[in-house]
C-alpha atoms as a PDB file:
ATOM      1  CA  UNK A   1     -11.053  14.594   5.163  1.00  0.00           C
ATOM      2  CA  UNK A   2      -8.929  10.936   5.660  1.00  0.00           C
ATOM      3  CA  UNK A   3      -9.431   8.715   8.444  1.00  0.00           C
ATOM      4  CA  UNK A   4      -7.642   5.564   9.428  1.00  0.00           C
ATOM      5  CA  UNK A   5     -10.118   3.259  11.465  1.00  0.00           C
ATOM      6  CA  UNK A   6      -9.453   0.195  13.707  1.00  0.00           C
ATOM      7  CA  UNK A   7      -5.602   0.235  13.661  1.00  0.00           C
ATOM      8  CA  UNK A   8      -3.605  -1.594  16.025  1.00  0.00           C
ATOM      9  CA  UNK A   9      -1.077   1.092  16.767  1.00  0.00           C
ATOM     10  CA  UNK A  10       0.797  -0.981  19.264  1.00  0.00           C
ATOM     11  CA  UNK A  11       1.449  -3.405  16.411  1.00  0.00           C
ATOM     12  CA  UNK A  12       2.377  -0.445  14.149  1.00  0.00           C
ATOM     13  CA  UNK A  13       4.631   0.995  16.677  1.00  0.00           C
ATOM     14  CA  UNK A  14       6.555  -2.259  17.108  1.00  0.00           C
ATOM     15  CA  UNK A  15       6.796  -2.431  13.316  1.00  0.00           C
ATOM     16  CA  UNK A  16       8.362   0.983  13.274  1.00  0.00           C
ATOM     17  CA  UNK A  17      10.688   0.359  15.997  1.00  0.00           C
ATOM     18  CA  UNK A  18      12.022  -2.905  14.269  1.00  0.00           C
ATOM     19  CA  UNK A  19      12.428  -0.786  11.015  1.00  0.00           C
ATOM     20  CA  UNK A  20      14.490   1.749  13.105  1.00  0.00           C
ATOM     21  CA  UNK A  21      16.603  -0.863  14.614  1.00  0.00           C
ATOM     22  CA  UNK A  22      17.222  -2.500  11.330  1.00  0.00           C
ATOM     23  CA  UNK A  23      17.955   0.924   9.776  1.00  0.00           C
ATOM     24  CA  UNK A  24      20.634   1.294  12.358  1.00  0.00           C
ATOM     25  CA  UNK A  25      22.071  -1.722  11.130  1.00  0.00           C
ATOM     26  CA  UNK A  26      21.986  -0.803   7.617  1.00  0.00           C
ATOM     27  CA  UNK A  27      25.685  -0.301   7.179  1.00  0.00           C
ATOM     28  CA  UNK A  28      26.360  -4.185   7.845  1.00  0.00           C
ATOM     29  CA  UNK A  29      23.469  -5.362   5.290  1.00  0.00           C
ATOM     30  CA  UNK A  30      22.841  -5.423   1.749  1.00  0.00           C
ATOM     31  CA  UNK A  31      19.834  -3.656   0.378  1.00  0.00           C
ATOM     32  CA  UNK A  32      18.298  -7.509  -0.348  1.00  0.00           C
ATOM     33  CA  UNK A  33      19.204  -8.381   3.107  1.00  0.00           C
ATOM     34  CA  UNK A  34      17.471  -5.273   4.452  1.00  0.00           C
ATOM     35  CA  UNK A  35      14.337  -5.894   2.615  1.00  0.00           C
ATOM     36  CA  UNK A  36      14.027  -9.442   3.678  1.00  0.00           C
ATOM     37  CA  UNK A  37      14.418  -8.566   7.267  1.00  0.00           C
ATOM     38  CA  UNK A  38      11.649  -5.788   7.029  1.00  0.00           C
ATOM     39  CA  UNK A  39       9.304  -8.190   5.173  1.00  0.00           C
ATOM     40  CA  UNK A  40      10.111 -10.674   8.035  1.00  0.00           C
ATOM     41  CA  UNK A  41       9.311  -8.253  10.830  1.00  0.00           C
ATOM     42  CA  UNK A  42       6.065  -6.975   8.865  1.00  0.00           C
ATOM     43  CA  UNK A  43       5.122 -10.761   8.509  1.00  0.00           C
ATOM     44  CA  UNK A  44       5.199 -11.314  12.288  1.00  0.00           C
ATOM     45  CA  UNK A  45       3.195  -8.495  12.843  1.00  0.00           C
ATOM     46  CA  UNK A  46       0.658  -8.389  10.055  1.00  0.00           C
ATOM     47  CA  UNK A  47      -1.759 -10.871  11.908  1.00  0.00           C
ATOM     48  CA  UNK A  48      -1.995  -8.400  14.780  1.00  0.00           C
ATOM     49  CA  UNK A  49      -2.814  -5.516  12.093  1.00  0.00           C
ATOM     50  CA  UNK A  50      -5.285  -7.416   9.973  1.00  0.00           C
ATOM     51  CA  UNK A  51      -7.079  -8.951  12.796  1.00  0.00           C
ATOM     52  CA  UNK A  52      -8.407  -5.619  13.718  1.00  0.00           C
ATOM     53  CA  UNK A  53     -10.151  -5.355  10.194  1.00  0.00           C
ATOM     54  CA  UNK A  54      -8.468  -1.704   9.418  1.00  0.00           C
ATOM     55  CA  UNK A  55      -9.797   0.864   6.891  1.00  0.00           C
ATOM     56  CA  UNK A  56      -8.583   3.828   5.313  1.00  0.00           C
ATOM     57  CA  UNK A  57     -11.358   6.110   4.304  1.00  0.00           C
ATOM     58  CA  UNK A  58     -11.370   9.122   2.042  1.00  0.00           C
ATOM     59  CA  UNK A  59     -14.446  11.107   3.297  1.00  0.00           C
ATOM     60  CA  UNK A  60     -14.047  13.611   0.961  1.00  0.00           C
ATOM     61  CA  UNK A  61     -11.207  15.069  -1.370  1.00  0.00           C
ATOM     62  CA  UNK A  62     -12.265  17.906  -3.232  1.00  0.00           C
ATOM     63  CA  UNK A  63     -10.744  20.725  -5.495  1.00  0.00           C
ATOM     64  CA  UNK A  64     -12.350  23.603  -6.978  1.00  0.00           C
ATOM     65  CA  UNK A  65     -10.847  25.819  -9.592  1.00  0.00           C
ATOM     66  CA  UNK A  66     -11.450  28.055 -12.672  1.00  0.00           C
ATOM     67  CA  UNK A  67     -12.202  25.035 -14.956  1.00  0.00           C
ATOM     68  CA  UNK A  68     -14.557  23.270 -12.435  1.00  0.00           C
ATOM     69  CA  UNK A  69     -14.507  20.721  -9.668  1.00  0.00           C
ATOM     70  CA  UNK A  70     -13.384  17.278  -8.625  1.00  0.00           C
ATOM     71  CA  UNK A  71     -14.827  15.070  -5.882  1.00  0.00           C
ATOM     72  CA  UNK A  72     -13.529  11.880  -4.692  1.00  0.00           C
ATOM     73  CA  UNK A  73     -14.392   9.548  -1.990  1.00  0.00           C
ATOM     74  CA  UNK A  74     -13.188   6.161  -1.398  1.00  0.00           C
ATOM     75  CA  UNK A  75     -12.626   3.424   1.467  1.00  0.00           C
ATOM     76  CA  UNK A  76     -10.651   0.258   1.634  1.00  0.00           C
ATOM     77  CA  UNK A  77     -11.266  -2.219   4.249  1.00  0.00           C
ATOM     78  CA  UNK A  78      -9.774  -5.436   5.622  1.00  0.00           C
ATOM     79  CA  UNK A  79     -11.797  -8.363   6.760  1.00  0.00           C
ATOM     80  CA  UNK A  80     -10.052  -9.287  10.079  1.00  0.00           C
ATOM     81  CA  UNK A  81     -12.427 -12.261  10.105  1.00  0.00           C
ATOM     82  CA  UNK A  82     -10.680 -13.727   6.850  1.00  0.00           C
ATOM     83  CA  UNK A  83      -8.265 -16.171   8.336  1.00  0.00           C
ATOM     84  CA  UNK A  84      -6.230 -16.762   5.447  1.00  0.00           C
ATOM     85  CA  UNK A  85      -5.405 -13.070   4.989  1.00  0.00           C
ATOM     86  CA  UNK A  86      -4.127 -13.126   8.692  1.00  0.00           C
ATOM     87  CA  UNK A  87      -1.333 -15.687   7.707  1.00  0.00           C
ATOM     88  CA  UNK A  88       0.141 -13.862   4.651  1.00  0.00           C
ATOM     89  CA  UNK A  89       0.299 -10.409   2.980  1.00  0.00           C
ATOM     90  CA  UNK A  90       0.357 -12.374  -0.192  1.00  0.00           C
ATOM     91  CA  UNK A  91      -3.423 -13.145   0.533  1.00  0.00           C
ATOM     92  CA  UNK A  92      -4.577  -9.943   1.336  1.00  0.00           C
ATOM     93  CA  UNK A  93      -6.820  -9.628  -1.990  1.00  0.00           C
ATOM     94  CA  UNK A  94      -8.840 -12.382  -0.406  1.00  0.00           C
ATOM     95  CA  UNK A  95      -9.864 -10.157   2.373  1.00  0.00           C
ATOM     96  CA  UNK A  96     -10.152  -6.546   0.797  1.00  0.00           C
ATOM     97  CA  UNK A  97     -13.014  -4.614  -0.042  1.00  0.00           C
ATOM     98  CA  UNK A  98     -12.829  -1.093  -1.545  1.00  0.00           C
ATOM     99  CA  UNK A  99     -15.349   1.660  -2.842  1.00  0.00           C
ATOM    100  CA  UNK A 100     -14.650   4.624  -4.837  1.00  0.00           C
ATOM    101  CA  UNK A 101     -16.530   7.519  -6.394  1.00  0.00           C
ATOM    102  CA  UNK A 102     -15.290  10.444  -8.455  1.00  0.00           C
ATOM    103  CA  UNK A 103     -17.274  13.349  -9.721  1.00  0.00           C
ATOM    104  CA  UNK A 104     -15.677  15.615 -12.322  1.00  0.00           C
ATOM    105  CA  UNK A 105     -17.015  18.790 -13.831  1.00  0.00           C
ATOM    106  CA  UNK A 106     -17.109  18.553 -17.913  1.00  0.00           C
ATOM    107  CA  UNK A 107     -14.701  21.622 -18.514  1.00  0.00           C
ATOM    108  CA  UNK A 108     -12.233  20.292 -15.833  1.00  0.00           C
ATOM    109  CA  UNK A 109     -12.194  16.709 -17.483  1.00  0.00           C
ATOM    110  CA  UNK A 110     -11.961  18.066 -21.000  1.00  0.00           C
ATOM    111  CA  UNK A 111      -8.951  20.406 -19.717  1.00  0.00           C
ATOM    112  CA  UNK A 112      -7.273  17.449 -18.247  1.00  0.00           C
ATOM    113  CA  UNK A 113      -7.720  15.076 -21.456  1.00  0.00           C
ATOM    114  CA  UNK A 114      -6.637  18.093 -23.486  1.00  0.00           C
ATOM    115  CA  UNK A 115      -3.184  18.527 -21.794  1.00  0.00           C
ATOM    116  CA  UNK A 116      -2.637  14.965 -22.162  1.00  0.00           C
ATOM    117  CA  UNK A 117      -3.404  14.607 -25.734  1.00  0.00           C
ATOM    118  CA  UNK A 118      -1.313  17.999 -26.339  1.00  0.00           C
ATOM    119  CA  UNK A 119       1.621  16.209 -24.858  1.00  0.00           C
ATOM    120  CA  UNK A 120       1.197  12.980 -26.651  1.00  0.00           C
ATOM    121  CA  UNK A 121       0.670  14.724 -30.160  1.00  0.00           C
ATOM    122  CA  UNK A 122       3.848  16.880 -29.373  1.00  0.00           C
ATOM    123  CA  UNK A 123       5.896  13.985 -28.786  1.00  0.00           C
ATOM    124  CA  UNK A 124       4.523  11.718 -31.206  1.00  0.00           C
ATOM    125  CA  UNK A 125       5.258  14.604 -33.977  1.00  0.00           C
ATOM    126  CA  UNK A 126       8.835  15.114 -32.430  1.00  0.00           C
ATOM    127  CA  UNK A 127       9.461  11.338 -32.689  1.00  0.00           C
ATOM    128  CA  UNK A 128       8.098  11.203 -36.460  1.00  0.00           C
ATOM    129  CA  UNK A 129      10.807  13.575 -37.476  1.00  0.00           C
ATOM    130  CA  UNK A 130       8.058  15.695 -38.975  1.00  0.00           C
ATOM    131  CA  UNK A 131       8.163  19.568 -38.423  1.00  0.00           C
ATOM    132  CA  UNK A 132       6.118  20.458 -35.365  1.00  0.00           C
ATOM    133  CA  UNK A 133       2.301  21.158 -35.643  1.00  0.00           C
ATOM    134  CA  UNK A 134       1.107  25.008 -35.785  1.00  0.00           C
ATOM    135  CA  UNK A 135      -0.808  26.241 -32.783  1.00  0.00           C
ATOM    136  CA  UNK A 136      -3.904  26.175 -35.051  1.00  0.00           C
ATOM    137  CA  UNK A 137      -3.293  22.462 -36.057  1.00  0.00           C
ATOM    138  CA  UNK A 138      -2.481  21.380 -32.561  1.00  0.00           C
ATOM    139  CA  UNK A 139      -5.806  23.142 -31.176  1.00  0.00           C
ATOM    140  CA  UNK A 140      -7.775  21.178 -33.770  1.00  0.00           C
ATOM    141  CA  UNK A 141      -6.342  17.972 -33.233  1.00  0.00           C
ATOM    142  CA  UNK A 142      -6.221  18.000 -29.418  1.00  0.00           C
ATOM    143  CA  UNK A 143     -10.043  19.350 -29.382  1.00  0.00           C
ATOM    144  CA  UNK A 144     -11.146  16.574 -31.918  1.00  0.00           C
ATOM    145  CA  UNK A 145      -9.323  13.777 -29.938  1.00  0.00           C
ATOM    146  CA  UNK A 146     -10.293  15.078 -26.512  1.00  0.00           C
ATOM    147  CA  UNK A 147     -14.093  14.722 -27.595  1.00  0.00           C
ATOM    148  CA  UNK A 148     -13.286  11.400 -29.022  1.00  0.00           C
ATOM    149  CA  UNK A 149     -11.808  10.042 -25.772  1.00  0.00           C
ATOM    150  CA  UNK A 150     -14.634  11.345 -23.495  1.00  0.00           C
ATOM    151  CA  UNK A 151     -17.233   9.893 -25.979  1.00  0.00           C
ATOM    152  CA  UNK A 152     -15.218   6.725 -25.720  1.00  0.00           C
ATOM    153  CA  UNK A 153     -15.065   6.474 -22.142  1.00  0.00           C
ATOM    154  CA  UNK A 154     -18.747   7.369 -21.769  1.00  0.00           C
ATOM    155  CA  UNK A 155     -19.655   4.670 -24.472  1.00  0.00           C
ATOM    156  CA  UNK A 156     -17.330   2.103 -22.441  1.00  0.00           C
ATOM    157  CA  UNK A 157     -19.251   3.040 -19.377  1.00  0.00           C
ATOM    158  CA  UNK A 158     -16.282   4.262 -17.650  1.00  0.00           C
ATOM    159  CA  UNK A 159     -17.622   7.942 -17.121  1.00  0.00           C
ATOM    160  CA  UNK A 160     -21.231   8.433 -16.628  1.00  0.00           C
ATOM    161  CA  UNK A 161     -22.743  11.813 -17.650  1.00  0.00           C
ATOM    162  CA  UNK A 162     -25.040  13.604 -15.196  1.00  0.00           C
ATOM    163  CA  UNK A 163     -27.128  16.668 -15.432  1.00  0.00           C
ATOM    164  CA  UNK A 164     -25.591  19.635 -14.737  1.00  0.00           C
ATOM    165  CA  UNK A 165     -22.511  19.087 -16.700  1.00  0.00           C
ATOM    166  CA  UNK A 166     -20.628  16.475 -14.690  1.00  0.00           C
ATOM    167  CA  UNK A 167     -19.453  12.954 -14.905  1.00  0.00           C
ATOM    168  CA  UNK A 168     -19.176  10.136 -12.271  1.00  0.00           C
ATOM    169  CA  UNK A 169     -17.363   7.168 -11.874  1.00  0.00           C
ATOM    170  CA  UNK A 170     -17.904   4.714  -9.266  1.00  0.00           C
ATOM    171  CA  UNK A 171     -16.196   1.405  -8.249  1.00  0.00           C
ATOM    172  CA  UNK A 172     -16.004  -1.010  -6.029  1.00  0.00           C
ATOM    173  CA  UNK A 173     -14.336  -4.245  -5.191  1.00  0.00           C
ATOM    174  CA  UNK A 174     -14.656  -7.449  -3.116  1.00  0.00           C
ATOM    175  CA  UNK A 175     -12.915 -10.680  -3.428  1.00  0.00           C
ATOM    176  CA  UNK A 176     -14.278 -12.186  -6.596  1.00  0.00           C
ATOM    177  CA  UNK A 177     -16.161  -9.131  -7.776  1.00  0.00           C
ATOM    178  CA  UNK A 178     -15.306  -5.683  -9.195  1.00  0.00           C
ATOM    179  CA  UNK A 179     -17.641  -3.367 -10.094  1.00  0.00           C
ATOM    180  CA  UNK A 180     -17.791  -0.229 -12.301  1.00  0.00           C
ATOM    181  CA  UNK A 181     -20.641   1.937 -12.616  1.00  0.00           C
ATOM    182  CA  UNK A 182     -22.907  -0.785 -11.560  1.00  0.00           C
ATOM    183  CA  UNK A 183     -21.611  -3.293 -14.112  1.00  0.00           C
ATOM    184  CA  UNK A 184     -19.277  -6.044 -13.381  1.00  0.00           C
ATOM    185  CA  UNK A 185     -15.609  -5.356 -14.654  1.00  0.00           C
ATOM    186  CA  UNK A 186     -15.625  -8.672 -16.701  1.00  0.00           C
ATOM    187  CA  UNK A 187     -18.520  -6.871 -18.888  1.00  0.00           C
ATOM    188  CA  UNK A 188     -16.185  -4.185 -19.970  1.00  0.00           C
END
C-alpha cells in the first residue's frame, strides 16, 4: 500500500494546469524552451509544495511466488521547516529524509542473482568470440558465482542473513548521514 501524505493538492493542480497550457503551446516552442518554462513553473510552486512536508510512504510492497518472497517498505519525507529547501529544488537533499527496508527469501535472492549472472556470462562469452558454454558449464559457473556474490554482499554488510532463510537490507538517509544496516555508508 502506498500513501502520499501532506501534499498541497491546490499547488499540484496549479502545476498541472501550467503544464497543460505549455503543452498546448508546444508547437511553437523548442524542447529546451518548453523544459525551461516547466522548470520555472515548478520553481514558483515548489515552495508551497515543500512547505507542507510531503511524504511518500510505501507501507507494504510484497511478492510471494514459488521461489520465495520479497517484502519492501519505505518512506521519503521533505522537511518543510528547512527554509533553504523551500527556495530551490537544487537544495532539496538538505531537506530529505528516507528509510527503506527489504526482506527477501534466500531462494528468490539466489534465483534473481543467478539470472543476472547467466546473462552476464553468456554476453561475455559471446563478446570474446569463444564458443558458447555448454548447459552444464554455464550452470556450474552461475552457481559458483551466485554463491560468491551473496557471500560478498553479506561480508560487506549489504545483506544481513536472518534465521528462517531470509536476507534483510535496511537503509536510511537524512542530511549528512546515510546508514546501511546500522552502519554509516562511509564505513563501507
